[in-house]
Amino acid sequence: MKKIIYSITFLGLAVVLITGCNKNYDSSISYKEFVNKDVSTNNITHKFIGKSEHFGFETGNANISDTEKQILIANFKQRKKTDKFDKISFYVKFKGEFWGKTYWTKGSGESFNKYIKNTLLFEDISHLDNNDVDSFSHTTKETFKDDISITVEYCLEKKCEVENLKLEFIE
């Protein structure tokens, strides 16, 4: 009887160690609607998520038409537990040209957990004239999926790594 109890206890401990017990580092990434009164979710032409080994985001929305051009990337998550970040940066490019970034550095006054939870990238260039262009303005509804790329650079104790986020489009 003691062998059975020890076996069950060992098996339970092994499951906890293998699956992890910290809920702050959920590796799953699934699309989430973004709720914010200042950002319209009407007329979305592209919905997408992004994943890398350590990070991801659950909300990617683009609205690209003849009269509107908007992009929103939000609901960032840490997918794999890593401690002691010195800095982290997310970079977005269109057709290989830099569009925007968000970053956090240790000592910035904001905790990493708050940064990752509250980060969002948003731009509405519908009102811009042809003289105010950036790399997002060069993408079209038809080429958006091929044009966009997102990378994350993070530094741990002075050693930096770069990961490309794999984008998955929701149909």
N, C-alpha and C. Protein backbone atom coordinates (compact mmCIF):
# COMPACT_ATOMS: atom_id res chain seq x y z
N MET A 1 0.82 -1.20 0.00
CA MET A 1 0.00 0.00 0.00
C MET A 1 0.86 1.26 0.00
N LYS A 2 1.97 1.24 0.77
CA LYS A 2 2.86 2.41 0.83
C LYS A 2 3.50 2.66 -0.53
N LYS A 3 3.82 1.58 -1.26
CA LYS A 3 4.41 1.75 -2.59
C LYS A 3 3.44 2.46 -3.53
N ILE A 4 2.17 2.13 -3.44
CA ILE A 4 1.17 2.77 -4.29
C ILE A 4 1.07 4.26 -3.95
N ILE A 5 1.03 4.59 -2.66
CA ILE A 5 0.95 5.99 -2.25
C ILE A 5 2.18 6.75 -2.71
N TYR A 6 3.37 6.15 -2.52
CA TYR A 6 4.59 6.81 -2.98
C TYR A 6 4.60 6.97 -4.50
N SER A 7 4.12 5.98 -5.21
CA SER A 7 4.08 6.06 -6.67
C SER A 7 3.15 7.16 -7.14
N ILE A 8 1.97 7.25 -6.52
CA ILE A 8 1.01 8.29 -6.89
C ILE A 8 1.57 9.67 -6.56
N THR A 9 2.19 9.81 -5.40
CA THR A 9 2.79 11.08 -5.00
C THR A 9 3.90 11.47 -5.97
N PHE A 10 4.76 10.53 -6.32
CA PHE A 10 5.84 10.80 -7.26
C PHE A 10 5.29 11.20 -8.62
N LEU A 11 4.28 10.48 -9.08
CA LEU A 11 3.67 10.77 -10.37
C LEU A 11 3.04 12.17 -10.38
N GLY A 12 2.34 12.52 -9.30
CA GLY A 12 1.74 13.85 -9.19
C GLY A 12 2.79 14.95 -9.19
N LEU A 13 3.88 14.73 -8.45
CA LEU A 13 4.97 15.70 -8.42
C LEU A 13 5.62 15.84 -9.80
N ALA A 14 5.80 14.74 -10.48
CA ALA A 14 6.38 14.78 -11.82
C ALA A 14 5.50 15.57 -12.78
N VAL A 15 4.19 15.39 -12.71
CA VAL A 15 3.26 16.13 -13.58
C VAL A 15 3.37 17.63 -13.31
N VAL A 16 3.40 18.02 -12.03
CA VAL A 16 3.52 19.44 -11.68
C VAL A 16 4.83 20.01 -12.19
N LEU A 17 5.91 19.29 -12.05
CA LEU A 17 7.21 19.77 -12.51
C LEU A 17 7.28 19.88 -14.03
N ILE A 18 6.67 18.94 -14.71
CA ILE A 18 6.70 18.95 -16.18
C ILE A 18 5.80 20.05 -16.74
N THR A 19 4.59 20.19 -16.22
CA THR A 19 3.65 21.16 -16.76
C THR A 19 3.85 22.55 -16.20
N GLY A 20 4.50 22.64 -15.06
CA GLY A 20 4.71 23.95 -14.43
C GLY A 20 3.53 24.32 -13.58
N CYS A 21 3.76 25.16 -12.61
CA CYS A 21 2.68 25.52 -11.71
C CYS A 21 2.49 27.03 -11.64
N ASN A 22 3.17 27.80 -12.45
CA ASN A 22 3.06 29.25 -12.42
C ASN A 22 2.13 29.69 -13.55
N LYS A 23 0.99 30.25 -13.20
CA LYS A 23 -0.01 30.63 -14.19
C LYS A 23 0.35 31.90 -14.94
N ASN A 24 1.37 32.63 -14.52
CA ASN A 24 1.77 33.85 -15.21
C ASN A 24 2.47 33.57 -16.53
N TYR A 25 2.84 32.37 -16.81
CA TYR A 25 3.60 32.04 -18.01
C TYR A 25 2.85 31.00 -18.81
N ASP A 26 1.72 31.40 -19.35
CA ASP A 26 0.87 30.53 -20.15
C ASP A 26 1.38 30.55 -21.58
N SER A 27 1.77 29.41 -22.08
CA SER A 27 2.37 29.37 -23.42
C SER A 27 1.33 29.44 -24.53
N SER A 28 0.05 29.30 -24.20
CA SER A 28 -0.96 29.32 -25.26
C SER A 28 -1.22 30.76 -25.72
N ILE A 29 -1.43 30.89 -27.00
CA ILE A 29 -1.76 32.17 -27.60
C ILE A 29 -2.99 31.95 -28.47
N SER A 30 -4.07 32.65 -28.17
CA SER A 30 -5.27 32.56 -28.99
C SER A 30 -5.82 33.97 -29.19
N TYR A 31 -6.50 34.17 -30.30
CA TYR A 31 -6.98 35.50 -30.64
C TYR A 31 -7.97 36.02 -29.60
N LYS A 32 -7.80 37.29 -29.22
CA LYS A 32 -8.72 37.97 -28.31
C LYS A 32 -9.16 39.28 -28.95
N GLU A 33 -10.44 39.58 -28.81
CA GLU A 33 -10.94 40.88 -29.25
C GLU A 33 -10.35 41.94 -28.32
N PHE A 34 -10.08 43.11 -28.86
CA PHE A 34 -9.55 44.22 -28.07
C PHE A 34 -10.70 45.15 -27.74
N VAL A 35 -10.86 45.46 -26.45
CA VAL A 35 -11.95 46.31 -26.02
C VAL A 35 -11.36 47.62 -25.49
N ASN A 36 -11.64 48.70 -26.23
CA ASN A 36 -11.18 50.02 -25.84
C ASN A 36 -12.02 51.02 -26.62
N LYS A 37 -12.62 51.96 -25.91
CA LYS A 37 -13.54 52.90 -26.56
C LYS A 37 -12.86 53.81 -27.58
N ASP A 38 -11.54 53.96 -27.49
CA ASP A 38 -10.82 54.85 -28.41
C ASP A 38 -10.35 54.17 -29.68
N VAL A 39 -10.44 52.84 -29.73
CA VAL A 39 -9.95 52.09 -30.89
C VAL A 39 -11.11 51.31 -31.49
N SER A 40 -11.44 51.61 -32.73
CA SER A 40 -12.56 50.96 -33.41
C SER A 40 -12.17 49.55 -33.84
N THR A 41 -13.10 48.63 -33.66
CA THR A 41 -12.88 47.27 -34.17
C THR A 41 -13.83 46.98 -35.33
N ASN A 42 -14.44 48.02 -35.85
CA ASN A 42 -15.30 47.86 -37.04
C ASN A 42 -14.42 47.71 -38.28
N ASN A 43 -14.91 47.00 -39.25
CA ASN A 43 -14.28 46.89 -40.56
C ASN A 43 -12.87 46.29 -40.53
N ILE A 44 -12.60 45.38 -39.64
CA ILE A 44 -11.29 44.75 -39.57
C ILE A 44 -11.10 43.86 -40.80
N THR A 45 -10.02 44.08 -41.52
CA THR A 45 -9.74 43.27 -42.71
C THR A 45 -8.79 42.12 -42.41
N HIS A 46 -7.97 42.25 -41.36
CA HIS A 46 -7.02 41.19 -40.98
C HIS A 46 -6.99 41.05 -39.46
N LYS A 47 -7.17 39.83 -38.98
CA LYS A 47 -7.00 39.50 -37.57
C LYS A 47 -5.84 38.52 -37.49
N PHE A 48 -4.95 38.73 -36.52
CA PHE A 48 -3.78 37.85 -36.44
C PHE A 48 -3.23 37.82 -35.02
N ILE A 49 -2.43 36.78 -34.77
CA ILE A 49 -1.71 36.62 -33.51
C ILE A 49 -0.24 36.41 -33.86
N GLY A 50 0.62 36.51 -32.87
CA GLY A 50 2.04 36.28 -33.09
C GLY A 50 2.65 35.49 -31.96
N LYS A 51 3.59 34.59 -32.29
CA LYS A 51 4.23 33.74 -31.29
C LYS A 51 5.72 33.60 -31.58
N SER A 52 6.50 33.64 -30.50
CA SER A 52 7.90 33.23 -30.57
C SER A 52 8.10 32.30 -29.39
N GLU A 53 9.32 31.87 -29.17
CA GLU A 53 9.58 30.94 -28.06
C GLU A 53 9.21 31.56 -26.71
N HIS A 54 9.56 32.83 -26.51
CA HIS A 54 9.37 33.44 -25.19
C HIS A 54 8.20 34.42 -25.09
N PHE A 55 7.73 34.94 -26.24
CA PHE A 55 6.70 35.98 -26.20
C PHE A 55 5.64 35.75 -27.27
N GLY A 56 4.55 36.50 -27.13
CA GLY A 56 3.50 36.46 -28.13
C GLY A 56 2.53 37.61 -27.91
N PHE A 57 1.59 37.75 -28.83
CA PHE A 57 0.49 38.69 -28.64
C PHE A 57 -0.78 38.04 -29.15
N GLU A 58 -1.89 38.42 -28.52
CA GLU A 58 -3.17 37.79 -28.82
C GLU A 58 -4.12 38.66 -29.63
N THR A 59 -3.75 39.91 -29.89
CA THR A 59 -4.61 40.77 -30.68
C THR A 59 -3.79 41.48 -31.75
N GLY A 60 -4.06 41.15 -32.98
CA GLY A 60 -3.53 41.87 -34.12
C GLY A 60 -4.70 42.19 -35.03
N ASN A 61 -4.97 43.47 -35.23
CA ASN A 61 -6.07 43.89 -36.09
C ASN A 61 -5.55 44.90 -37.10
N ALA A 62 -5.97 44.76 -38.33
CA ALA A 62 -5.67 45.76 -39.35
C ALA A 62 -6.95 46.06 -40.11
N ASN A 63 -7.12 47.31 -40.42
CA ASN A 63 -8.24 47.77 -41.24
C ASN A 63 -7.63 48.54 -42.40
N ILE A 64 -7.65 47.92 -43.56
CA ILE A 64 -7.02 48.54 -44.73
C ILE A 64 -8.05 48.60 -45.86
N SER A 65 -8.38 49.82 -46.22
CA SER A 65 -9.33 50.04 -47.32
C SER A 65 -8.89 51.28 -48.08
N ASP A 66 -9.70 51.70 -49.04
CA ASP A 66 -9.38 52.89 -49.82
C ASP A 66 -9.43 54.16 -48.97
N THR A 67 -10.25 54.14 -47.92
CA THR A 67 -10.42 55.35 -47.11
C THR A 67 -9.82 55.25 -45.71
N GLU A 68 -9.51 54.05 -45.24
CA GLU A 68 -9.00 53.88 -43.88
C GLU A 68 -7.76 53.00 -43.87
N LYS A 69 -6.89 53.29 -42.91
CA LYS A 69 -5.72 52.44 -42.72
C LYS A 69 -5.35 52.51 -41.24
N GLN A 70 -5.63 51.40 -40.53
CA GLN A 70 -5.38 51.34 -39.10
C GLN A 70 -4.74 50.00 -38.75
N ILE A 71 -3.90 50.02 -37.71
CA ILE A 71 -3.32 48.79 -37.21
C ILE A 71 -3.27 48.85 -35.69
N LEU A 72 -3.53 47.71 -35.07
CA LEU A 72 -3.49 47.58 -33.62
C LEU A 72 -2.83 46.25 -33.28
N ILE A 73 -1.86 46.27 -32.38
CA ILE A 73 -1.24 45.06 -31.87
C ILE A 73 -1.24 45.19 -30.35
N ALA A 74 -1.86 44.22 -29.64
CA ALA A 74 -2.03 44.33 -28.19
C ALA A 74 -2.11 42.95 -27.55
N ASN A 75 -2.32 42.94 -26.26
CA ASN A 75 -2.42 41.72 -25.46
C ASN A 75 -1.16 40.87 -25.57
N PHE A 76 -0.03 41.50 -25.29
CA PHE A 76 1.25 40.80 -25.29
C PHE A 76 1.34 39.86 -24.09
N LYS A 77 2.06 38.76 -24.26
CA LYS A 77 2.22 37.77 -23.19
C LYS A 77 3.65 37.24 -23.18
N GLN A 78 4.08 36.87 -22.00
CA GLN A 78 5.33 36.13 -21.86
C GLN A 78 4.96 34.66 -21.88
N ARG A 79 5.51 33.90 -22.82
CA ARG A 79 5.14 32.49 -22.99
C ARG A 79 6.03 31.53 -22.23
N LYS A 80 7.24 31.95 -21.93
CA LYS A 80 8.20 31.07 -21.27
C LYS A 80 8.88 31.87 -20.16
N LYS A 81 8.91 31.30 -18.98
CA LYS A 81 9.47 31.99 -17.82
C LYS A 81 10.95 32.28 -18.03
N THR A 82 11.28 33.53 -17.90
CA THR A 82 12.67 33.98 -17.96
C THR A 82 12.81 35.11 -16.96
N ASP A 83 13.82 35.07 -16.15
CA ASP A 83 14.01 36.09 -15.13
C ASP A 83 15.11 37.06 -15.52
N LYS A 84 15.11 38.18 -14.83
CA LYS A 84 16.20 39.16 -14.90
C LYS A 84 16.38 39.81 -16.26
N PHE A 85 15.30 40.28 -16.83
CA PHE A 85 15.41 41.04 -18.07
C PHE A 85 16.13 42.36 -17.80
N ASP A 86 17.01 42.73 -18.71
CA ASP A 86 17.59 44.07 -18.69
C ASP A 86 16.79 45.00 -19.59
N LYS A 87 16.36 44.47 -20.73
CA LYS A 87 15.52 45.25 -21.64
C LYS A 87 14.80 44.30 -22.59
N ILE A 88 13.74 44.84 -23.19
CA ILE A 88 12.99 44.09 -24.20
C ILE A 88 12.43 45.10 -25.20
N SER A 89 12.44 44.75 -26.47
CA SER A 89 11.90 45.62 -27.52
C SER A 89 11.16 44.77 -28.54
N PHE A 90 9.99 45.24 -28.94
CA PHE A 90 9.24 44.64 -30.04
C PHE A 90 9.36 45.58 -31.23
N TYR A 91 9.75 45.05 -32.39
CA TYR A 91 9.92 45.84 -33.62
C TYR A 91 8.94 45.37 -34.67
N VAL A 92 8.29 46.31 -35.33
CA VAL A 92 7.36 46.00 -36.41
C VAL A 92 7.89 46.62 -37.69
N LYS A 93 7.91 45.82 -38.76
CA LYS A 93 8.37 46.30 -40.06
C LYS A 93 7.33 45.94 -41.12
N PHE A 94 7.31 46.76 -42.17
CA PHE A 94 6.53 46.47 -43.36
C PHE A 94 7.47 46.51 -44.54
N LYS A 95 7.47 45.43 -45.31
CA LYS A 95 8.37 45.29 -46.47
C LYS A 95 9.82 45.53 -46.06
N GLY A 96 10.17 45.10 -44.85
CA GLY A 96 11.54 45.23 -44.36
C GLY A 96 11.90 46.60 -43.82
N GLU A 97 10.99 47.57 -43.92
CA GLU A 97 11.24 48.92 -43.41
C GLU A 97 10.65 49.07 -42.02
N PHE A 98 11.42 49.67 -41.13
CA PHE A 98 10.98 49.91 -39.76
C PHE A 98 9.71 50.75 -39.74
N TRP A 99 8.73 50.32 -38.94
CA TRP A 99 7.50 51.09 -38.75
C TRP A 99 7.40 51.61 -37.32
N GLY A 100 7.59 50.72 -36.34
CA GLY A 100 7.42 51.16 -34.96
C GLY A 100 7.98 50.14 -33.99
N LYS A 101 8.11 50.58 -32.73
CA LYS A 101 8.58 49.67 -31.71
C LYS A 101 8.02 50.09 -30.36
N THR A 102 8.06 49.18 -29.44
CA THR A 102 7.77 49.45 -28.05
C THR A 102 8.88 48.78 -27.25
N TYR A 103 9.29 49.39 -26.17
CA TYR A 103 10.41 48.82 -25.42
C TYR A 103 10.28 49.09 -23.93
N TRP A 104 10.96 48.29 -23.18
CA TRP A 104 11.05 48.41 -21.72
C TRP A 104 12.49 48.19 -21.31
N THR A 105 12.95 48.94 -20.31
CA THR A 105 14.28 48.71 -19.75
C THR A 105 14.18 48.65 -18.24
N LYS A 106 15.04 47.82 -17.67
CA LYS A 106 15.10 47.72 -16.21
C LYS A 106 15.44 49.10 -15.65
N GLY A 107 14.76 49.47 -14.60
CA GLY A 107 14.99 50.77 -13.99
C GLY A 107 14.18 51.89 -14.62
N SER A 108 13.24 51.53 -15.51
CA SER A 108 12.43 52.55 -16.19
C SER A 108 11.30 53.09 -15.32
N GLY A 109 11.12 52.50 -14.15
CA GLY A 109 10.05 52.94 -13.26
C GLY A 109 8.79 52.12 -13.39
N GLU A 110 8.70 51.29 -14.40
CA GLU A 110 7.54 50.42 -14.60
C GLU A 110 8.02 48.98 -14.52
N SER A 111 7.27 48.14 -13.82
CA SER A 111 7.67 46.73 -13.73
C SER A 111 7.50 46.05 -15.09
N PHE A 112 8.27 45.01 -15.31
CA PHE A 112 8.16 44.27 -16.56
C PHE A 112 6.76 43.70 -16.73
N ASN A 113 6.18 43.14 -15.65
CA ASN A 113 4.85 42.54 -15.73
C ASN A 113 3.80 43.57 -16.14
N LYS A 114 3.90 44.79 -15.62
CA LYS A 114 2.96 45.85 -16.00
C LYS A 114 3.16 46.24 -17.45
N TYR A 115 4.41 46.36 -17.88
CA TYR A 115 4.70 46.70 -19.28
C TYR A 115 4.10 45.68 -20.23
N ILE A 116 4.38 44.41 -20.00
CA ILE A 116 3.93 43.37 -20.94
C ILE A 116 2.40 43.32 -20.98
N LYS A 117 1.76 43.61 -19.87
CA LYS A 117 0.30 43.58 -19.80
C LYS A 117 -0.33 44.78 -20.52
N ASN A 118 0.31 45.95 -20.43
CA ASN A 118 -0.30 47.18 -20.92
C ASN A 118 0.20 47.65 -22.29
N THR A 119 1.15 46.95 -22.88
CA THR A 119 1.72 47.40 -24.15
C THR A 119 0.73 47.26 -25.29
N LEU A 120 0.68 48.29 -26.12
CA LEU A 120 -0.07 48.18 -27.36
C LEU A 120 0.55 49.12 -28.39
N LEU A 121 0.48 48.71 -29.63
CA LEU A 121 0.92 49.52 -30.76
C LEU A 121 -0.32 49.83 -31.59
N PHE A 122 -0.57 51.11 -31.86
CA PHE A 122 -1.74 51.50 -32.62
C PHE A 122 -1.39 52.68 -33.50
N GLU A 123 -1.89 52.65 -34.72
CA GLU A 123 -1.74 53.80 -35.60
C GLU A 123 -2.94 53.88 -36.54
N ASP A 124 -3.43 55.08 -36.70
CA ASP A 124 -4.49 55.36 -37.67
C ASP A 124 -3.92 56.40 -38.62
N ILE A 125 -3.61 55.99 -39.85
CA ILE A 125 -3.04 56.94 -40.81
C ILE A 125 -4.06 57.33 -41.88
N SER A 126 -5.34 57.10 -41.58
CA SER A 126 -6.39 57.43 -42.55
C SER A 126 -6.41 58.91 -42.89
N HIS A 127 -6.05 59.74 -41.94
CA HIS A 127 -6.14 61.19 -42.12
C HIS A 127 -4.88 61.81 -42.73
N LEU A 128 -3.83 61.05 -42.91
CA LEU A 128 -2.58 61.61 -43.41
C LEU A 128 -2.64 61.88 -44.91
N ASP A 129 -1.92 62.89 -45.32
CA ASP A 129 -1.84 63.12 -46.76
C ASP A 129 -0.63 62.36 -47.32
N ASN A 130 -0.42 62.41 -48.60
CA ASN A 130 0.63 61.63 -49.25
C ASN A 130 2.04 62.03 -48.83
N ASN A 131 2.20 63.21 -48.23
CA ASN A 131 3.53 63.65 -47.79
C ASN A 131 3.93 63.01 -46.45
N ASP A 132 2.94 62.59 -45.66
CA ASP A 132 3.21 61.98 -44.36
C ASP A 132 3.09 60.46 -44.49
N VAL A 133 4.10 59.84 -45.00
CA VAL A 133 4.03 58.39 -45.21
C VAL A 133 5.04 57.69 -44.31
N ASP A 134 4.73 56.45 -43.98
CA ASP A 134 5.66 55.58 -43.28
C ASP A 134 5.53 54.19 -43.92
N SER A 135 6.24 53.23 -43.39
CA SER A 135 6.25 51.92 -44.06
C SER A 135 4.87 51.25 -44.04
N PHE A 136 4.04 51.52 -43.03
CA PHE A 136 2.69 50.96 -43.00
C PHE A 136 1.85 51.51 -44.14
N SER A 137 2.08 52.74 -44.52
CA SER A 137 1.28 53.35 -45.59
C SER A 137 1.52 52.69 -46.94
N HIS A 138 2.60 51.94 -47.10
CA HIS A 138 2.92 51.29 -48.37
C HIS A 138 2.28 49.91 -48.53
N THR A 139 1.69 49.38 -47.47
CA THR A 139 1.07 48.06 -47.57
C THR A 139 -0.35 48.21 -48.09
N THR A 140 -0.86 47.13 -48.66
CA THR A 140 -2.24 47.12 -49.16
C THR A 140 -2.99 45.97 -48.50
N LYS A 141 -4.29 45.97 -48.67
CA LYS A 141 -5.10 44.89 -48.13
C LYS A 141 -4.62 43.54 -48.67
N GLU A 142 -4.24 43.52 -49.93
CA GLU A 142 -3.82 42.27 -50.58
C GLU A 142 -2.41 41.82 -50.16
N THR A 143 -1.52 42.76 -49.84
CA THR A 143 -0.13 42.39 -49.54
C THR A 143 0.20 42.41 -48.04
N PHE A 144 -0.74 42.81 -47.20
CA PHE A 144 -0.47 42.99 -45.77
C PHE A 144 0.18 41.76 -45.14
N LYS A 145 -0.36 40.58 -45.40
CA LYS A 145 0.16 39.35 -44.77
C LYS A 145 1.63 39.11 -45.11
N ASP A 146 2.02 39.44 -46.32
CA ASP A 146 3.41 39.25 -46.74
C ASP A 146 4.31 40.41 -46.31
N ASP A 147 3.74 41.58 -46.10
CA ASP A 147 4.53 42.77 -45.81
C ASP A 147 4.95 42.90 -44.35
N ILE A 148 4.13 42.44 -43.42
CA ILE A 148 4.39 42.68 -42.00
C ILE A 148 5.34 41.64 -41.41
N SER A 149 6.23 42.09 -40.55
CA SER A 149 7.08 41.19 -39.76
C SER A 149 7.28 41.82 -38.38
N ILE A 150 7.35 40.98 -37.37
CA ILE A 150 7.53 41.44 -35.99
C ILE A 150 8.62 40.62 -35.34
N THR A 151 9.55 41.31 -34.70
CA THR A 151 10.62 40.65 -33.95
C THR A 151 10.63 41.17 -32.53
N VAL A 152 11.20 40.38 -31.65
CA VAL A 152 11.41 40.80 -30.27
C VAL A 152 12.88 40.61 -29.95
N GLU A 153 13.46 41.62 -29.34
CA GLU A 153 14.84 41.53 -28.85
C GLU A 153 14.77 41.67 -27.34
N TYR A 154 15.38 40.74 -26.63
CA TYR A 154 15.40 40.83 -25.18
C TYR A 154 16.81 40.54 -24.68
N CYS A 155 17.15 41.20 -23.59
CA CYS A 155 18.49 41.05 -23.01
C CYS A 155 18.36 40.55 -21.58
N LEU A 156 19.11 39.52 -21.29
CA LEU A 156 19.18 38.92 -19.96
C LEU A 156 20.61 39.01 -19.47
N GLU A 157 20.79 39.76 -18.41
CA GLU A 157 22.13 39.87 -17.83
C GLU A 157 23.18 40.15 -18.91
N LYS A 158 22.92 41.15 -19.73
CA LYS A 158 23.84 41.66 -20.77
C LYS A 158 23.95 40.78 -22.01
N LYS A 159 23.26 39.65 -22.08
CA LYS A 159 23.27 38.80 -23.27
C LYS A 159 21.93 38.99 -24.00
N CYS A 160 22.00 39.42 -25.25
CA CYS A 160 20.78 39.73 -26.01
C CYS A 160 20.46 38.63 -27.02
N GLU A 161 19.17 38.41 -27.19
CA GLU A 161 18.65 37.44 -28.15
C GLU A 161 17.57 38.10 -28.99
N VAL A 162 17.39 37.62 -30.22
CA VAL A 162 16.35 38.11 -31.11
C VAL A 162 15.50 36.92 -31.55
N GLU A 163 14.19 37.09 -31.50
CA GLU A 163 13.26 36.07 -31.97
C GLU A 163 12.28 36.70 -32.95
N ASN A 164 12.00 36.00 -34.04
CA ASN A 164 10.96 36.42 -34.98
C ASN A 164 9.65 35.84 -34.52
N LEU A 165 8.63 36.67 -34.46
CA LEU A 165 7.31 36.17 -34.10
C LEU A 165 6.66 35.58 -35.34
N LYS A 166 6.17 34.36 -35.21
CA LYS A 166 5.45 33.72 -36.30
C LYS A 166 4.01 34.24 -36.25
N LEU A 167 3.59 34.85 -37.35
CA LEU A 167 2.24 35.41 -37.41
C LEU A 167 1.27 34.39 -37.98
N GLU A 168 0.13 34.28 -37.31
CA GLU A 168 -0.95 33.40 -37.77
C GLU A 168 -2.18 34.27 -37.99
N PHE A 169 -2.74 34.20 -39.20
CA PHE A 169 -3.90 35.02 -39.53
C PHE A 169 -5.17 34.24 -39.30
N ILE A 170 -6.14 34.91 -38.68
CA ILE A 170 -7.44 34.32 -38.35
C ILE A 170 -8.39 34.65 -39.49
N GLU A 171 -8.95 33.64 -40.06
CA GLU A 171 -9.87 33.86 -41.21
C GLU A 171 -11.29 34.05 -40.73
